[in-house]
């Protein structure tokens, strides 16, 4: 696939899976042996990750801040927003509106996302929920 086609596939993944809550799209867009930061999660493992986020933040959405594609890799910086209305990582619902970011490099193979290497600002998210102390340097 071309770099443009790979970029479009990654954008489609986040639009369908996150913004439209179409977890069935995982079966089409992720490889069966999908790897997340070195851990082979497969499709089901990644589906459970999104289910946990959606349980805690039923209105979670994600938007592209920046996206770049080269060959079989796509780098994407995303901004996520949602309201904490359910249990998340042991934290009871706070009703707080949160915003956090993620940056990742995704590797594609045979028209599917095969690997995710990235970071999510979970510390910032947990601070917004009052579950982690503020950090200053």
N, C-alpha and C. Protein backbone atom coordinates (compact mmCIF):
# COMPACT_ATOMS: atom_id res chain seq x y z
N UNK A 1 0.85 -1.19 0.00
CA UNK A 1 0.00 0.00 0.00
C UNK A 1 0.89 1.24 0.00
N UNK A 2 0.37 2.31 -0.55
CA UNK A 2 1.11 3.57 -0.57
C UNK A 2 1.08 4.22 0.81
N UNK A 3 1.96 5.18 1.02
CA UNK A 3 1.98 5.91 2.29
C UNK A 3 0.63 6.59 2.53
N UNK A 4 0.04 7.17 1.48
CA UNK A 4 -1.26 7.82 1.63
C UNK A 4 -2.34 6.82 2.03
N UNK A 5 -2.33 5.65 1.41
CA UNK A 5 -3.31 4.62 1.76
C UNK A 5 -3.13 4.15 3.20
N UNK A 6 -1.89 4.03 3.64
CA UNK A 6 -1.63 3.63 5.03
C UNK A 6 -2.12 4.70 6.00
N UNK A 7 -1.87 5.97 5.69
CA UNK A 7 -2.35 7.07 6.54
C UNK A 7 -3.88 7.03 6.63
N UNK A 8 -4.53 6.84 5.50
CA UNK A 8 -5.99 6.78 5.49
C UNK A 8 -6.51 5.60 6.30
N UNK A 9 -5.83 4.46 6.25
CA UNK A 9 -6.26 3.30 7.03
C UNK A 9 -6.16 3.59 8.53
N UNK A 10 -5.08 4.23 8.96
CA UNK A 10 -4.93 4.58 10.38
C UNK A 10 -6.01 5.58 10.79
N UNK A 11 -6.27 6.57 9.97
CA UNK A 11 -7.34 7.53 10.28
C UNK A 11 -8.68 6.83 10.38
N UNK A 12 -8.93 5.90 9.47
CA UNK A 12 -10.19 5.14 9.48
C UNK A 12 -10.31 4.30 10.75
N UNK A 13 -9.20 3.69 11.18
CA UNK A 13 -9.21 2.90 12.41
C UNK A 13 -9.71 3.74 13.59
N UNK A 14 -9.09 4.89 13.82
CA UNK A 14 -9.48 5.71 14.96
C UNK A 14 -10.90 6.25 14.81
N UNK A 15 -11.29 6.63 13.60
CA UNK A 15 -12.64 7.13 13.39
C UNK A 15 -13.67 6.05 13.70
N UNK A 16 -13.48 4.87 13.14
CA UNK A 16 -14.47 3.82 13.32
C UNK A 16 -14.44 3.22 14.72
N UNK A 17 -13.27 2.86 15.21
CA UNK A 17 -13.18 2.16 16.49
C UNK A 17 -13.44 3.11 17.65
N UNK A 18 -12.82 4.29 17.65
CA UNK A 18 -12.97 5.20 18.79
C UNK A 18 -14.20 6.08 18.65
N UNK A 19 -14.25 6.88 17.60
CA UNK A 19 -15.31 7.88 17.51
C UNK A 19 -16.68 7.31 17.19
N UNK A 20 -16.72 6.19 16.46
CA UNK A 20 -18.00 5.57 16.13
C UNK A 20 -18.30 4.34 16.99
N UNK A 21 -17.39 3.94 17.87
CA UNK A 21 -17.56 2.79 18.76
C UNK A 21 -17.81 1.50 17.99
N UNK A 22 -17.20 1.36 16.84
CA UNK A 22 -17.37 0.15 16.03
C UNK A 22 -16.22 -0.80 16.32
N UNK A 23 -16.32 -1.49 17.43
CA UNK A 23 -15.26 -2.44 17.82
C UNK A 23 -15.13 -3.59 16.83
N UNK A 24 -16.17 -3.85 16.05
CA UNK A 24 -16.08 -4.88 15.03
C UNK A 24 -15.06 -4.52 13.95
N UNK A 25 -14.77 -3.23 13.78
CA UNK A 25 -13.78 -2.80 12.78
C UNK A 25 -12.37 -3.27 13.13
N UNK A 26 -12.15 -3.60 14.41
CA UNK A 26 -10.85 -4.13 14.82
C UNK A 26 -10.50 -5.38 14.03
N UNK A 27 -11.50 -6.22 13.77
CA UNK A 27 -11.25 -7.47 13.05
C UNK A 27 -10.77 -7.23 11.62
N UNK A 28 -11.20 -6.15 11.03
CA UNK A 28 -10.80 -5.81 9.66
C UNK A 28 -9.48 -5.04 9.63
N UNK A 29 -9.27 -4.15 10.60
CA UNK A 29 -8.18 -3.18 10.49
C UNK A 29 -6.91 -3.55 11.25
N UNK A 30 -7.00 -4.46 12.23
CA UNK A 30 -5.81 -4.91 12.96
C UNK A 30 -5.45 -6.33 12.51
N UNK A 31 -4.16 -6.61 12.48
CA UNK A 31 -3.73 -7.97 12.14
C UNK A 31 -4.07 -8.90 13.31
N UNK A 32 -4.24 -10.16 12.99
CA UNK A 32 -4.57 -11.16 14.02
C UNK A 32 -3.49 -11.23 15.09
N UNK A 33 -2.23 -11.01 14.69
CA UNK A 33 -1.10 -11.08 15.62
C UNK A 33 -0.63 -9.69 16.05
N UNK A 34 -1.55 -8.74 16.15
CA UNK A 34 -1.26 -7.35 16.50
C UNK A 34 -0.38 -7.25 17.75
N UNK A 35 0.64 -6.39 17.67
CA UNK A 35 1.58 -6.18 18.77
C UNK A 35 1.44 -4.75 19.29
N UNK A 36 1.34 -4.61 20.61
CA UNK A 36 1.21 -3.30 21.26
C UNK A 36 2.40 -3.10 22.18
N UNK A 37 3.28 -2.17 21.82
CA UNK A 37 4.49 -1.89 22.62
C UNK A 37 5.23 -3.17 23.02
N UNK A 38 5.44 -4.04 22.06
CA UNK A 38 6.22 -5.25 22.29
C UNK A 38 5.43 -6.44 22.81
N UNK A 39 4.18 -6.23 23.19
CA UNK A 39 3.34 -7.31 23.73
C UNK A 39 2.37 -7.77 22.65
N UNK A 40 2.38 -9.05 22.36
CA UNK A 40 1.45 -9.56 21.36
C UNK A 40 0.07 -9.68 22.00
N UNK A 41 -0.79 -8.71 21.72
CA UNK A 41 -2.13 -8.69 22.28
C UNK A 41 -3.15 -9.32 21.36
N UNK A 42 -2.88 -9.26 20.07
CA UNK A 42 -3.88 -9.70 19.12
C UNK A 42 -5.06 -8.75 19.13
N UNK A 43 -6.04 -9.09 18.33
CA UNK A 43 -7.23 -8.24 18.22
C UNK A 43 -8.01 -8.18 19.53
N UNK A 44 -8.16 -9.33 20.18
CA UNK A 44 -8.98 -9.38 21.40
C UNK A 44 -8.36 -8.55 22.52
N UNK A 45 -7.05 -8.60 22.65
CA UNK A 45 -6.39 -7.80 23.68
C UNK A 45 -6.60 -6.32 23.45
N UNK A 46 -6.52 -5.90 22.20
CA UNK A 46 -6.72 -4.48 21.90
C UNK A 46 -8.18 -4.10 22.07
N UNK A 47 -9.09 -5.01 21.74
CA UNK A 47 -10.51 -4.75 21.94
C UNK A 47 -10.78 -4.51 23.43
N UNK A 48 -10.17 -5.32 24.31
CA UNK A 48 -10.37 -5.14 25.76
C UNK A 48 -9.84 -3.78 26.23
N UNK A 49 -8.74 -3.32 25.64
CA UNK A 49 -8.20 -2.01 26.00
C UNK A 49 -9.22 -0.92 25.69
N UNK A 50 -9.80 -0.95 24.50
CA UNK A 50 -10.79 0.07 24.15
C UNK A 50 -12.06 -0.08 24.98
N UNK A 51 -12.47 -1.29 25.28
CA UNK A 51 -13.64 -1.49 26.14
C UNK A 51 -13.43 -0.86 27.51
N UNK A 52 -12.22 -0.97 28.06
CA UNK A 52 -11.92 -0.37 29.36
C UNK A 52 -11.99 1.15 29.29
N UNK A 53 -11.45 1.73 28.23
CA UNK A 53 -11.53 3.19 28.07
C UNK A 53 -12.98 3.63 27.90
N UNK A 54 -13.76 2.92 27.09
CA UNK A 54 -15.15 3.31 26.85
C UNK A 54 -16.00 3.15 28.10
N UNK A 55 -15.69 2.16 28.94
CA UNK A 55 -16.43 1.99 30.20
C UNK A 55 -16.20 3.19 31.11
N UNK A 56 -14.98 3.68 31.15
CA UNK A 56 -14.66 4.83 32.00
C UNK A 56 -15.06 6.16 31.40
N UNK A 57 -15.02 6.24 30.08
CA UNK A 57 -15.29 7.50 29.37
C UNK A 57 -16.23 7.21 28.20
N UNK A 58 -17.53 7.08 28.46
CA UNK A 58 -18.47 6.68 27.41
C UNK A 58 -18.51 7.63 26.21
N UNK A 59 -18.13 8.88 26.42
CA UNK A 59 -18.15 9.85 25.31
C UNK A 59 -16.76 10.13 24.76
N UNK A 60 -15.80 9.24 25.00
CA UNK A 60 -14.43 9.44 24.56
C UNK A 60 -14.36 9.65 23.05
N UNK A 61 -13.64 10.68 22.64
CA UNK A 61 -13.38 10.92 21.22
C UNK A 61 -11.90 11.21 21.04
N UNK A 62 -11.45 11.08 19.81
CA UNK A 62 -10.05 11.29 19.49
C UNK A 62 -9.95 12.06 18.18
N UNK A 63 -9.03 13.00 18.12
CA UNK A 63 -8.82 13.76 16.89
C UNK A 63 -7.34 13.82 16.57
N UNK A 64 -7.04 13.92 15.29
CA UNK A 64 -5.66 14.01 14.83
C UNK A 64 -5.12 15.41 15.11
N UNK A 65 -3.95 15.46 15.74
CA UNK A 65 -3.20 16.71 15.87
C UNK A 65 -2.23 16.80 14.70
N UNK A 66 -1.54 15.68 14.45
CA UNK A 66 -0.61 15.61 13.33
C UNK A 66 -0.45 14.15 12.92
N UNK A 67 -0.31 13.91 11.63
CA UNK A 67 -0.12 12.56 11.13
C UNK A 67 0.84 12.60 9.95
N UNK A 68 1.79 11.68 9.96
CA UNK A 68 2.81 11.57 8.92
C UNK A 68 2.93 10.11 8.52
N UNK A 69 3.10 9.87 7.23
CA UNK A 69 3.24 8.49 6.76
C UNK A 69 4.46 8.37 5.87
N UNK A 70 5.19 7.28 6.05
CA UNK A 70 6.35 6.97 5.21
C UNK A 70 6.44 5.46 5.09
N UNK A 71 6.34 4.97 3.88
CA UNK A 71 6.42 3.53 3.67
C UNK A 71 5.32 2.81 4.42
N UNK A 72 5.71 1.80 5.20
CA UNK A 72 4.71 1.01 5.94
C UNK A 72 4.50 1.50 7.36
N UNK A 73 4.95 2.72 7.68
CA UNK A 73 4.76 3.28 9.02
C UNK A 73 4.00 4.60 8.97
N UNK A 74 3.18 4.79 10.00
CA UNK A 74 2.40 6.01 10.15
C UNK A 74 2.63 6.52 11.56
N UNK A 75 3.04 7.78 11.68
CA UNK A 75 3.21 8.42 12.99
C UNK A 75 2.00 9.32 13.20
N UNK A 76 1.40 9.21 14.38
CA UNK A 76 0.20 10.00 14.64
C UNK A 76 0.22 10.55 16.06
N UNK A 77 -0.08 11.83 16.17
CA UNK A 77 -0.23 12.52 17.45
C UNK A 77 -1.72 12.84 17.56
N UNK A 78 -2.34 12.37 18.65
CA UNK A 78 -3.79 12.51 18.80
C UNK A 78 -4.14 13.20 20.10
N UNK A 79 -5.28 13.87 20.11
CA UNK A 79 -5.85 14.48 21.32
C UNK A 79 -7.15 13.74 21.62
N UNK A 80 -7.28 13.31 22.86
CA UNK A 80 -8.43 12.55 23.32
C UNK A 80 -9.21 13.39 24.33
N UNK A 81 -10.53 13.36 24.27
CA UNK A 81 -11.36 14.06 25.25
C UNK A 81 -12.51 13.14 25.65
N UNK A 82 -12.95 13.30 26.89
CA UNK A 82 -14.07 12.51 27.37
C UNK A 82 -14.44 12.90 28.79
N UNK A 83 -15.55 12.36 29.25
CA UNK A 83 -16.06 12.63 30.59
C UNK A 83 -15.97 11.34 31.40
N UNK A 84 -15.38 11.42 32.59
CA UNK A 84 -15.16 10.25 33.43
C UNK A 84 -16.47 9.87 34.12
N UNK A 85 -17.22 8.96 33.51
CA UNK A 85 -18.53 8.57 34.01
C UNK A 85 -18.60 7.12 34.47
N UNK A 86 -17.49 6.41 34.39
CA UNK A 86 -17.47 5.00 34.81
C UNK A 86 -16.14 4.66 35.45
N UNK A 87 -16.07 3.48 36.04
CA UNK A 87 -14.83 3.03 36.68
C UNK A 87 -13.71 2.94 35.65
N UNK A 88 -12.55 3.51 35.98
CA UNK A 88 -11.39 3.45 35.09
C UNK A 88 -10.14 3.28 35.92
N UNK A 89 -9.42 2.18 35.68
CA UNK A 89 -8.17 1.90 36.39
C UNK A 89 -8.35 2.01 37.91
N UNK A 90 -9.48 1.52 38.41
CA UNK A 90 -9.75 1.54 39.84
C UNK A 90 -10.26 2.86 40.38
N UNK A 91 -10.43 3.85 39.53
CA UNK A 91 -10.90 5.17 39.97
C UNK A 91 -12.40 5.28 39.70
N UNK A 92 -13.15 5.52 40.77
CA UNK A 92 -14.60 5.68 40.65
C UNK A 92 -14.91 6.93 39.82
N UNK A 93 -16.07 6.97 39.17
CA UNK A 93 -16.43 8.10 38.32
C UNK A 93 -16.36 9.44 39.07
N UNK A 94 -15.77 10.42 38.41
CA UNK A 94 -15.66 11.76 39.00
C UNK A 94 -16.54 12.78 38.29
N UNK A 95 -17.01 12.45 37.10
CA UNK A 95 -17.77 13.40 36.31
C UNK A 95 -16.90 14.46 35.65
N UNK A 96 -15.60 14.35 35.81
CA UNK A 96 -14.69 15.35 35.25
C UNK A 96 -14.49 15.15 33.75
N UNK A 97 -14.40 16.27 33.06
CA UNK A 97 -14.06 16.28 31.64
C UNK A 97 -12.54 16.26 31.55
N UNK A 98 -11.99 15.37 30.74
CA UNK A 98 -10.53 15.24 30.63
C UNK A 98 -10.09 15.42 29.19
N UNK A 99 -8.82 15.79 29.07
CA UNK A 99 -8.17 15.88 27.76
C UNK A 99 -6.74 15.37 27.93
N UNK A 100 -6.33 14.47 27.06
CA UNK A 100 -4.97 13.95 27.12
C UNK A 100 -4.51 13.64 25.70
N UNK A 101 -3.23 13.38 25.55
CA UNK A 101 -2.68 13.15 24.21
C UNK A 101 -1.94 11.83 24.13
N UNK A 102 -1.76 11.38 22.91
CA UNK A 102 -0.97 10.19 22.64
C UNK A 102 -0.16 10.42 21.37
N UNK A 103 0.96 9.75 21.30
CA UNK A 103 1.81 9.79 20.11
C UNK A 103 2.24 8.36 19.82
N UNK A 104 2.13 7.95 18.57
CA UNK A 104 2.45 6.56 18.24
C UNK A 104 3.00 6.44 16.83
N UNK A 105 3.75 5.38 16.65
CA UNK A 105 4.16 4.94 15.32
C UNK A 105 3.49 3.60 15.09
N UNK A 106 2.73 3.50 14.03
CA UNK A 106 2.03 2.26 13.71
C UNK A 106 2.65 1.67 12.45
N UNK A 107 2.91 0.39 12.49
CA UNK A 107 3.46 -0.32 11.33
C UNK A 107 2.35 -1.14 10.69
N UNK A 108 2.21 -1.01 9.38
CA UNK A 108 1.18 -1.71 8.65
C UNK A 108 1.77 -2.85 7.84
N UNK A 109 0.94 -3.89 7.68
CA UNK A 109 1.35 -5.06 6.91
C UNK A 109 0.11 -5.64 6.23
N UNK A 110 0.18 -5.82 4.94
CA UNK A 110 -0.92 -6.44 4.18
C UNK A 110 -2.26 -5.74 4.42
N UNK A 111 -2.24 -4.41 4.46
CA UNK A 111 -3.48 -3.66 4.58
C UNK A 111 -4.09 -3.64 5.97
N UNK A 112 -3.30 -3.98 6.99
CA UNK A 112 -3.79 -3.95 8.38
C UNK A 112 -2.72 -3.36 9.28
N UNK A 113 -3.15 -2.85 10.42
CA UNK A 113 -2.22 -2.34 11.43
C UNK A 113 -1.67 -3.56 12.17
N UNK A 114 -0.35 -3.73 12.11
CA UNK A 114 0.29 -4.91 12.70
C UNK A 114 0.97 -4.59 14.02
N UNK A 115 1.37 -3.32 14.21
CA UNK A 115 2.13 -2.99 15.41
C UNK A 115 1.90 -1.54 15.82
N UNK A 116 1.82 -1.33 17.13
CA UNK A 116 1.69 0.01 17.74
C UNK A 116 2.86 0.18 18.68
N UNK A 117 3.60 1.26 18.49
CA UNK A 117 4.66 1.64 19.42
C UNK A 117 4.39 3.09 19.79
N UNK A 118 4.02 3.32 21.03
CA UNK A 118 3.67 4.68 21.38
C UNK A 118 3.50 4.90 22.86
N UNK A 119 3.11 6.13 23.17
CA UNK A 119 2.87 6.53 24.54
C UNK A 119 1.54 7.28 24.63
N UNK A 120 0.87 7.07 25.74
CA UNK A 120 -0.36 7.78 26.07
C UNK A 120 -0.09 8.51 27.37
N UNK A 121 -0.50 9.75 27.47
CA UNK A 121 -0.26 10.53 28.68
C UNK A 121 -1.21 10.09 29.80
N UNK A 122 -0.99 8.87 30.29
CA UNK A 122 -1.84 8.35 31.36
C UNK A 122 -1.60 9.07 32.68
N UNK A 123 -0.38 9.55 32.92
CA UNK A 123 -0.13 10.32 34.15
C UNK A 123 -0.98 11.58 34.14
N UNK A 124 -0.97 12.30 33.04
CA UNK A 124 -1.79 13.51 32.94
C UNK A 124 -3.26 13.20 33.09
N UNK A 125 -3.71 12.10 32.51
CA UNK A 125 -5.10 11.68 32.64
C UNK A 125 -5.44 11.40 34.09
N UNK A 126 -4.61 10.61 34.77
CA UNK A 126 -4.88 10.26 36.16
C UNK A 126 -4.80 11.49 37.07
N UNK A 127 -3.93 12.44 36.76
CA UNK A 127 -3.89 13.69 37.52
C UNK A 127 -5.20 14.44 37.38
N UNK A 128 -5.76 14.47 36.19
CA UNK A 128 -7.03 15.16 35.98
C UNK A 128 -8.16 14.50 36.75
N UNK A 129 -8.03 13.20 37.01
CA UNK A 129 -9.04 12.48 37.77
C UNK A 129 -8.81 12.59 39.28
N UNK A 130 -7.70 13.22 39.67
CA UNK A 130 -7.36 13.34 41.08
C UNK A 130 -6.75 12.07 41.65
N UNK A 131 -6.30 11.16 40.79
CA UNK A 131 -5.77 9.88 41.23
C UNK A 131 -4.25 9.85 41.25
N UNK A 132 -3.61 10.94 40.86
CA UNK A 132 -2.15 11.03 40.87
C UNK A 132 -1.78 12.46 41.24
N UNK A 133 -0.70 12.64 41.99
CA UNK A 133 -0.30 13.99 42.39
C UNK A 133 0.23 14.79 41.20
N UNK A 134 0.12 16.09 41.31
CA UNK A 134 0.69 16.97 40.29
C UNK A 134 2.20 16.85 40.32
N UNK A 135 2.81 16.98 39.17
CA UNK A 135 4.26 16.90 39.05
C UNK A 135 4.76 18.21 38.46
N UNK A 136 5.79 18.77 39.08
CA UNK A 136 6.38 19.99 38.51
C UNK A 136 7.89 19.85 38.53
N UNK A 137 8.52 20.49 37.59
CA UNK A 137 9.97 20.42 37.47
C UNK A 137 10.56 21.79 37.62
